Amino acid sequence: MGGAVSAGEDNDELIDNLKEAQYIRTELVEQAFRAIDRADYYLEEFKDNAYKDLAWKHGNIHLSAPCIYSEVMEALDLQPGLSFLNLGSGTGYLSSMVGLILGPFGVNHGVELHSDVIEYAKQKLDFFIKTSDSFDKFEFCEPSFVTGNCLEISPDCTQYDRVYCGAGVQKEHEDYMKNLLKVGGILVMPLEEKLTKITRTGPSAWETKKILAVSFAPLIQPNHADSGKSRLVHLPPVAVRSLQDLARIAIRGTIKKIIHQETMSKNGNGLKNPPRFKRRRVRRRRMETIVFLDKEVFASRISNPSDDNNNCEDIEDERREEEETKPSELKPDPPVNFLREKRFTLQPHQGGTTWSLQKTEEPQHAAAEQ
């Protein structure tokens, strides 16, 4: 699947093409796509194809085409604080984009059949958290992945606000998928060769919308040949945030606000200095005078002996004005990611539940305070 839009030279150009083709239609989805570079989820030797609108598969690792992910993200109608379940979570690319929208009070779970893909997804998630500036610009809902067949989810699991399945769902499993939804929730999945959006409008009421024709590999059926018993998949529990987590979120938000205010103050609210208008210099010109007297014509030049001096003075004045209005050519300081530096100092004390907030630029004072 894919090939609906032109390839891009980089991630931003790919997103531009998806927007132009109306696959990306909302600001939240656009921000999430731009924040995570698709190439980061490719193996190094295949990164040349990362910005093409094509699916990619290598062994058990798989990524759908960008146009498919765009339609899925738009159809899910994501909002901060919702719960999300990704069936066939794969590399974690989609789950990470969703996490940028859900925010710190959302729930972000994924189920993946292959354990090696789970490890790959965790590596990519760790790389994103430690190296991407986008992690500092968003309040991130970190995804949690579990290994297992998504058709064997424990019946006592919680229901979710949003569910996506990344494999073709057979008609006999449609009701199973619907029951994973809360009332008011949205399920997006490939059903009978169509990407389908199902909204649960009541305990037994549904609205179905076909989005576009797709071709997905079908869900792998559970294999009970070895033990003869079903291996139930237990999803992570949805627990109330601890006071420690709430404190961390609040401190991180406060640091972001302080750094934003400092940056705005240092840069003058981010506005460039208004352009200065130069005083228009008037050049004095010599006048040629022609006098008609009887039948003879006399031509004379009326000039001021100070003209030449005035012209020199005008040039000198203009030069001084340019020097005064010329911006200083001081070399700008290299960019510093203050939020990342301060965030990594939010570490729990050993053997306790309190958190310390240190100033990275003044470690000696922070140590004295402790």
Protein backbone atom coordinates (compact mmCIF):
# COMPACT_ATOMS: atom_id res chain seq x y z
CA MET A 1 0.00 0.00 0.00
CA GLY A 2 1.05 3.57 -0.57
CA GLY A 3 2.35 5.66 -3.44
CA ALA A 4 -0.47 8.18 -3.05
CA VAL A 5 1.90 11.16 -2.71
CA SER A 6 5.33 12.08 -3.99
CA ALA A 7 8.42 11.14 -2.05
CA GLY A 8 10.09 13.77 0.10
CA GLU A 9 13.73 14.71 0.53
CA ASP A 10 13.23 14.71 4.29
CA ASN A 11 10.51 14.18 6.88
CA ASP A 12 9.11 17.72 6.61
CA GLU A 13 8.79 17.53 2.85
CA LEU A 14 6.98 14.20 3.15
CA ILE A 15 4.52 15.83 5.58
CA ASP A 16 4.08 18.77 3.20
CA ASN A 17 3.12 16.34 0.46
CA LEU A 18 0.65 14.54 2.72
CA LYS A 19 -0.94 17.86 3.65
CA GLU A 20 -1.19 18.95 0.04
CA ALA A 21 -2.93 15.68 -0.83
CA GLN A 22 -5.34 16.16 2.13
CA TYR A 23 -4.22 13.04 4.00
CA ILE A 24 -3.19 15.25 6.92
CA ARG A 25 -5.97 17.71 7.71
CA THR A 26 -5.63 18.79 11.35
CA GLU A 27 -2.93 20.67 13.23
CA LEU A 28 -2.54 18.10 16.02
CA VAL A 29 -1.85 15.31 13.54
CA GLU A 30 0.56 17.47 11.57
CA GLN A 31 2.53 18.37 14.70
CA ALA A 32 2.82 14.72 15.71
CA PHE A 33 4.05 13.67 12.25
CA ARG A 34 6.64 16.45 12.13
CA ALA A 35 7.87 15.73 15.65
CA ILE A 36 8.96 12.15 14.90
CA ASP A 37 11.26 11.44 11.97
CA ARG A 38 10.01 8.38 10.12
CA ALA A 39 13.58 7.45 9.14
CA ASP A 40 14.47 6.86 12.80
CA TYR A 41 12.29 3.72 12.72
CA TYR A 42 14.09 2.20 9.71
CA LEU A 43 17.14 0.02 9.80
CA GLU A 44 20.19 2.01 8.73
CA GLU A 45 20.61 0.26 5.38
CA PHE A 46 17.00 1.02 4.34
CA LYS A 47 16.74 4.68 5.36
CA ASP A 48 16.93 5.90 1.76
CA ASN A 49 13.31 4.73 1.34
CA ALA A 50 12.02 6.27 4.58
CA TYR A 51 10.38 9.31 2.94
CA LYS A 52 8.61 7.45 0.18
CA ASP A 53 4.89 6.84 0.53
CA LEU A 54 5.39 3.10 0.66
CA ALA A 55 5.07 0.35 3.24
CA TRP A 56 8.30 -1.27 4.44
CA LYS A 57 8.88 -4.79 5.78
CA HIS A 58 12.04 -6.56 6.85
CA GLY A 59 11.63 -9.85 8.65
CA ASN A 60 9.03 -9.25 11.36
CA ILE A 61 9.56 -5.48 11.32
CA HIS A 62 6.88 -3.60 9.41
CA LEU A 63 5.80 -0.01 8.76
CA SER A 64 2.65 0.96 6.87
CA ALA A 65 2.72 3.66 4.20
CA PRO A 66 2.64 7.28 5.47
CA CYS A 67 -0.72 7.91 3.75
CA ILE A 68 -2.25 5.01 5.73
CA TYR A 69 -0.91 6.29 9.06
CA SER A 70 -2.23 9.75 8.17
CA GLU A 71 -5.74 8.45 7.58
CA VAL A 72 -5.60 6.38 10.76
CA MET A 73 -4.47 9.33 12.91
CA GLU A 74 -7.18 11.58 11.46
CA ALA A 75 -9.91 8.95 11.87
CA LEU A 76 -9.01 8.27 15.52
CA ASP A 77 -9.83 11.88 16.45
CA LEU A 78 -7.27 11.87 19.26
CA GLN A 79 -7.50 14.21 22.23
CA PRO A 80 -5.36 14.68 25.37
CA GLY A 81 -6.19 12.33 28.23
CA LEU A 82 -7.74 9.51 26.17
CA SER A 83 -6.79 5.82 26.39
CA PHE A 84 -5.38 4.12 23.27
CA LEU A 85 -4.80 0.47 22.37
CA ASN A 86 -2.63 -0.42 19.37
CA LEU A 87 -3.12 -4.02 18.18
CA GLY A 88 -0.06 -5.05 16.22
CA SER A 89 2.02 -2.15 17.55
CA GLY A 90 5.13 -3.11 15.55
CA THR A 91 7.99 -0.58 15.68
CA GLY A 92 6.07 1.78 17.97
CA TYR A 93 6.13 4.59 15.38
CA LEU A 94 2.37 5.10 15.44
CA SER A 95 2.14 4.64 19.22
CA SER A 96 4.78 7.32 19.77
CA MET A 97 2.97 9.82 17.54
CA VAL A 98 -0.27 9.08 19.39
CA GLY A 99 1.54 9.58 22.71
CA LEU A 100 2.48 13.13 21.73
CA ILE A 101 -1.23 13.99 21.49
CA LEU A 102 -2.52 12.03 24.50
CA GLY A 103 -0.29 13.88 26.95
CA PRO A 104 0.79 12.83 30.46
CA PHE A 105 -2.69 11.82 31.62
CA GLY A 106 -3.46 9.51 28.71
CA VAL A 107 -3.07 5.73 28.43
CA ASN A 108 -0.97 4.25 25.61
CA HIS A 109 -0.81 0.44 25.28
CA GLY A 110 0.36 -1.82 22.48
CA VAL A 111 0.16 -5.55 21.77
CA GLU A 112 2.69 -7.16 19.43
CA LEU A 113 2.95 -10.83 18.46
CA HIS A 114 6.73 -10.96 17.92
CA SER A 115 9.07 -10.50 20.88
CA ASP A 116 11.96 -9.34 18.67
CA VAL A 117 9.78 -6.51 17.35
CA ILE A 118 8.92 -5.54 20.93
CA GLU A 119 12.63 -5.17 21.66
CA TYR A 120 13.10 -3.14 18.49
CA ALA A 121 10.22 -0.84 19.49
CA LYS A 122 11.67 -0.32 22.98
CA GLN A 123 15.04 0.62 21.50
CA LYS A 124 13.43 3.16 19.19
CA LEU A 125 11.34 4.59 22.03
CA ASP A 126 14.43 4.95 24.23
CA PHE A 127 16.30 6.66 21.37
CA PHE A 128 13.43 9.11 20.87
CA ILE A 129 13.21 10.02 24.56
CA LYS A 130 16.96 10.54 24.97
CA THR A 131 17.81 12.33 21.73
CA SER A 132 14.78 14.07 20.24
CA ASP A 133 14.07 17.72 21.00
CA SER A 134 10.43 16.96 20.24
CA PHE A 135 10.24 15.01 23.49
CA ASP A 136 10.83 18.28 25.35
CA LYS A 137 8.24 20.22 23.35
CA PHE A 138 5.36 17.87 24.14
CA GLU A 139 3.84 16.32 27.24
CA PHE A 140 4.39 12.71 26.22
CA CYS A 141 2.31 9.65 27.06
CA GLU A 142 4.93 6.91 26.90
CA PRO A 143 3.64 3.71 25.27
CA SER A 144 3.82 0.34 27.03
CA PHE A 145 4.16 -2.80 24.91
CA VAL A 146 3.26 -6.40 25.75
CA THR A 147 3.91 -9.56 23.77
CA GLY A 148 1.05 -11.76 22.64
CA ASN A 149 -1.69 -12.40 20.10
CA CYS A 150 -4.20 -9.57 20.07
CA LEU A 151 -7.03 -12.08 19.59
CA GLU A 152 -6.27 -13.51 23.03
CA ILE A 153 -6.65 -10.43 25.19
CA SER A 154 -7.93 -11.27 28.64
CA PRO A 155 -11.70 -10.73 28.87
CA ASP A 156 -11.31 -8.79 32.13
CA CYS A 157 -9.19 -6.09 30.49
CA THR A 158 -10.30 -2.48 30.59
CA GLN A 159 -12.00 -0.88 27.60
CA TYR A 160 -10.37 1.92 25.63
CA ASP A 161 -11.37 5.26 24.10
CA ARG A 162 -9.45 4.57 20.89
CA VAL A 163 -8.38 1.26 19.31
CA TYR A 164 -6.40 0.60 16.14
CA CYS A 165 -5.61 -2.76 14.56
CA GLY A 166 -2.72 -2.87 12.10
CA ALA A 167 -3.67 -6.15 10.41
CA GLY A 168 -6.61 -7.29 8.33
CA VAL A 169 -9.51 -8.28 10.57
CA GLN A 170 -11.68 -11.18 9.51
CA LYS A 171 -15.44 -10.64 9.69
CA GLU A 172 -15.82 -13.21 12.48
CA HIS A 173 -13.57 -11.10 14.74
CA GLU A 174 -15.44 -7.82 14.23
CA ASP A 175 -17.53 -8.12 17.41
CA TYR A 176 -14.44 -9.07 19.43
CA MET A 177 -12.78 -5.82 18.34
CA LYS A 178 -15.88 -3.75 19.05
CA ASN A 179 -16.05 -4.99 22.62
CA LEU A 180 -12.64 -3.43 23.33
CA LEU A 181 -14.25 0.01 23.02
CA LYS A 182 -15.84 2.24 25.60
CA VAL A 183 -19.15 3.89 24.73
CA GLY A 184 -18.23 6.92 22.66
CA GLY A 185 -14.98 5.27 21.58
CA ILE A 186 -13.57 4.89 18.06
CA LEU A 187 -12.15 1.74 16.46
CA VAL A 188 -10.13 1.93 13.23
CA MET A 189 -9.18 -1.30 11.46
CA PRO A 190 -8.88 -2.93 8.02
CA LEU A 191 -12.12 -4.87 7.58
CA GLU A 192 -12.98 -6.66 4.32
CA GLU A 193 -10.29 -4.77 2.36
CA LYS A 194 -11.49 -1.36 3.60
CA LEU A 195 -9.98 0.84 6.27
CA THR A 196 -13.04 1.17 8.50
CA LYS A 197 -13.96 3.57 11.30
CA ILE A 198 -16.46 2.26 13.86
CA THR A 199 -17.85 4.53 16.59
CA ARG A 200 -19.59 3.03 19.61
CA THR A 201 -22.62 5.29 20.16
CA GLY A 202 -24.24 3.13 22.87
CA PRO A 203 -23.91 -0.18 24.71
CA SER A 204 -25.19 -1.99 21.61
CA ALA A 205 -25.16 0.79 19.00
CA TRP A 206 -22.50 1.43 16.38
CA GLU A 207 -21.80 3.73 13.46
CA THR A 208 -19.61 2.43 10.64
CA LYS A 209 -17.76 4.43 8.00
CA LYS A 210 -15.57 3.09 5.19
CA ILE A 211 -12.53 5.34 4.73
CA LEU A 212 -10.53 3.90 1.82
CA ALA A 213 -9.58 0.64 0.12
CA VAL A 214 -6.51 -1.02 1.63
CA SER A 215 -4.58 -4.26 1.48
CA PHE A 216 -3.31 -5.60 4.81
CA ALA A 217 -1.94 -8.97 5.80
CA PRO A 218 -4.60 -10.80 7.86
CA LEU A 219 -4.44 -11.28 11.59
CA ILE A 220 -2.56 -14.41 12.62
CA GLN A 221 -4.90 -16.86 14.31
CA PRO A 222 -3.96 -18.18 17.77
CA ASN A 223 -2.05 -21.45 17.74
CA HIS A 224 -2.95 -23.81 20.58
CA ALA A 225 -1.22 -26.87 19.14
CA ASP A 226 1.53 -26.91 21.76
CA SER A 227 -0.44 -26.74 25.00
CA GLY A 228 -4.01 -26.85 23.78
CA LYS A 229 -4.74 -23.84 25.99
CA SER A 230 -5.19 -20.18 25.18
CA ARG A 231 -2.37 -17.88 26.26
CA LEU A 232 -4.23 -14.87 27.54
CA VAL A 233 -2.66 -11.47 27.00
CA HIS A 234 -2.78 -9.32 30.12
CA LEU A 235 -2.59 -5.62 29.35
CA PRO A 236 -0.89 -3.20 31.76
CA PRO A 237 -3.26 -2.04 34.49
CA VAL A 238 -4.73 1.44 34.20
CA ALA A 239 -3.89 2.87 37.61
CA VAL A 240 -4.37 6.27 39.19
CA ARG A 241 -1.25 8.38 38.95
CA SER A 242 0.90 8.32 42.07
CA LEU A 243 1.71 11.53 43.90
CA GLN A 244 5.29 11.07 42.73
CA ASP A 245 4.20 11.01 39.08
CA LEU A 246 1.94 14.02 39.54
CA ALA A 247 4.78 15.95 41.19
CA ARG A 248 7.14 15.07 38.35
CA ILE A 249 4.61 16.23 35.73
CA ALA A 250 3.97 19.47 37.63
CA ILE A 251 7.70 20.19 38.08
CA ARG A 252 8.42 19.47 34.43
CA GLY A 253 5.59 21.78 33.37
CA THR A 254 6.90 24.53 35.67
CA ILE A 255 10.42 24.18 34.26
CA LYS A 256 9.05 24.45 30.73
CA LYS A 257 7.17 27.65 31.60
CA ILE A 258 10.21 29.21 33.30
CA ILE A 259 12.50 28.39 30.40
CA HIS A 260 9.92 29.68 27.93
CA GLN A 261 9.63 32.96 29.85
CA GLU A 262 13.42 33.31 30.07
CA THR A 263 13.76 32.66 26.36
CA MET A 264 11.04 35.16 25.48
CA SER A 265 12.59 37.76 27.77
CA LYS A 266 16.06 37.22 26.36
CA ASN A 267 14.87 37.38 22.76
CA GLY A 268 12.52 40.30 23.28
CA ASN A 269 9.34 38.23 23.00
CA GLY A 270 10.74 36.62 19.89
CA LEU A 271 10.05 39.67 17.74
CA LYS A 272 12.66 41.14 15.47
CA ASN A 273 13.58 44.79 15.89
CA PRO A 274 11.39 47.02 13.74
CA PRO A 275 13.15 48.28 10.63
CA ARG A 276 14.65 51.74 10.89
CA PHE A 277 13.87 54.24 8.18
CA LYS A 278 16.87 56.06 6.86
CA ARG A 279 16.72 59.82 6.44
CA ARG A 280 16.43 60.46 2.79
CA ARG A 281 19.49 62.26 1.53
CA VAL A 282 18.81 65.14 -0.84
CA ARG A 283 21.50 65.65 -3.44
CA ARG A 284 22.15 69.18 -4.58
CA ARG A 285 22.34 69.63 -8.33
CA ARG A 286 23.98 72.35 -10.36
CA MET A 287 21.64 74.40 -12.52
CA GLU A 288 22.28 75.18 -16.14
CA THR A 289 20.83 78.60 -17.07
CA ILE A 290 20.17 79.70 -20.66
CA VAL A 291 19.62 83.45 -21.27
CA PHE A 292 18.09 84.75 -24.52
CA LEU A 293 19.30 88.25 -25.35
CA ASP A 294 18.20 89.71 -28.68
CA LYS A 295 19.33 87.20 -31.26
CA GLU A 296 22.14 85.69 -29.25
CA VAL A 297 21.99 82.88 -26.77
CA PHE A 298 24.16 82.84 -23.70
CA ALA A 299 24.53 79.67 -21.60
CA SER A 300 25.90 79.93 -18.10
CA ARG A 301 26.26 77.61 -15.11
CA ILE A 302 25.03 78.91 -11.78
CA SER A 303 26.81 77.03 -9.07
CA ASN A 304 27.46 77.30 -5.38
CA PRO A 305 31.09 76.99 -4.37
CA SER A 306 30.03 75.01 -1.32
CA ASP A 307 28.24 72.29 -3.38
CA ASP A 308 31.25 70.02 -3.55
CA ASN A 309 31.80 70.31 0.18
CA ASN A 310 28.10 69.61 0.85
CA ASN A 311 28.21 66.48 -1.29
CA CYS A 312 31.15 65.17 0.68
CA GLU A 313 29.39 65.97 3.94
CA ASP A 314 26.25 64.14 2.75
CA ILE A 315 28.24 61.01 1.93
CA GLU A 316 29.94 61.15 5.31
CA ASP A 317 26.57 61.56 7.08
CA GLU A 318 25.14 58.60 5.22
CA ARG A 319 28.11 56.45 6.17
CA ARG A 320 27.68 57.32 9.84
CA GLU A 321 23.96 56.51 9.71
CA GLU A 322 24.67 53.09 8.21
CA GLU A 323 27.19 52.34 10.95
CA GLU A 324 24.72 53.38 13.64
CA THR A 325 21.89 51.27 12.26
CA LYS A 326 24.04 48.26 11.40
CA PRO A 327 23.21 45.38 13.81
CA SER A 328 25.96 44.07 15.97
CA GLU A 329 27.76 41.11 14.47
CA LEU A 330 28.31 39.30 17.72
CA LYS A 331 28.46 35.55 17.29
CA PRO A 332 25.28 34.03 18.78
CA ASP A 333 25.58 31.60 21.64
CA PRO A 334 25.11 27.96 20.68
CA PRO A 335 21.59 26.69 21.41
CA VAL A 336 21.22 25.01 24.79
CA ASN A 337 18.42 22.61 25.58
CA PHE A 338 17.75 23.81 29.13
CA LEU A 339 14.69 21.63 29.57
CA ARG A 340 16.62 18.47 28.73
CA GLU A 341 19.42 19.40 31.15
CA LYS A 342 17.02 20.12 33.99
CA ARG A 343 14.74 17.19 33.22
CA PHE A 344 17.53 14.67 33.69
CA THR A 345 18.15 16.06 37.18
CA LEU A 346 14.64 15.01 38.23
CA GLN A 347 15.78 11.70 39.67
CA PRO A 348 14.24 9.88 42.67
CA HIS A 349 16.33 9.48 45.80
CA GLN A 350 17.45 5.95 46.51
CA GLY A 351 15.18 4.28 49.03
CA GLY A 352 12.67 7.10 49.10
CA THR A 353 9.77 8.60 47.19
CA THR A 354 10.83 12.24 47.18
CA TRP A 355 12.24 13.98 44.16
CA SER A 356 15.13 16.41 43.95
CA LEU A 357 15.29 19.38 41.59
CA GLN A 358 18.84 20.54 40.97
CA LYS A 359 20.17 23.40 38.92
CA THR A 360 22.57 21.87 36.46
CA GLU A 361 24.47 25.13 36.06
CA GLU A 362 25.16 25.41 39.84
CA PRO A 363 25.75 21.87 41.14
CA GLN A 364 27.65 23.09 44.20
CA HIS A 365 24.64 25.07 45.47
CA ALA A 366 22.25 22.21 44.79
CA ALA A 367 24.46 19.83 46.75
CA ALA A 368 24.59 22.26 49.65
CA GLU A 369 20.82 22.55 49.72
CA GLN A 370 20.47 18.78 49.98
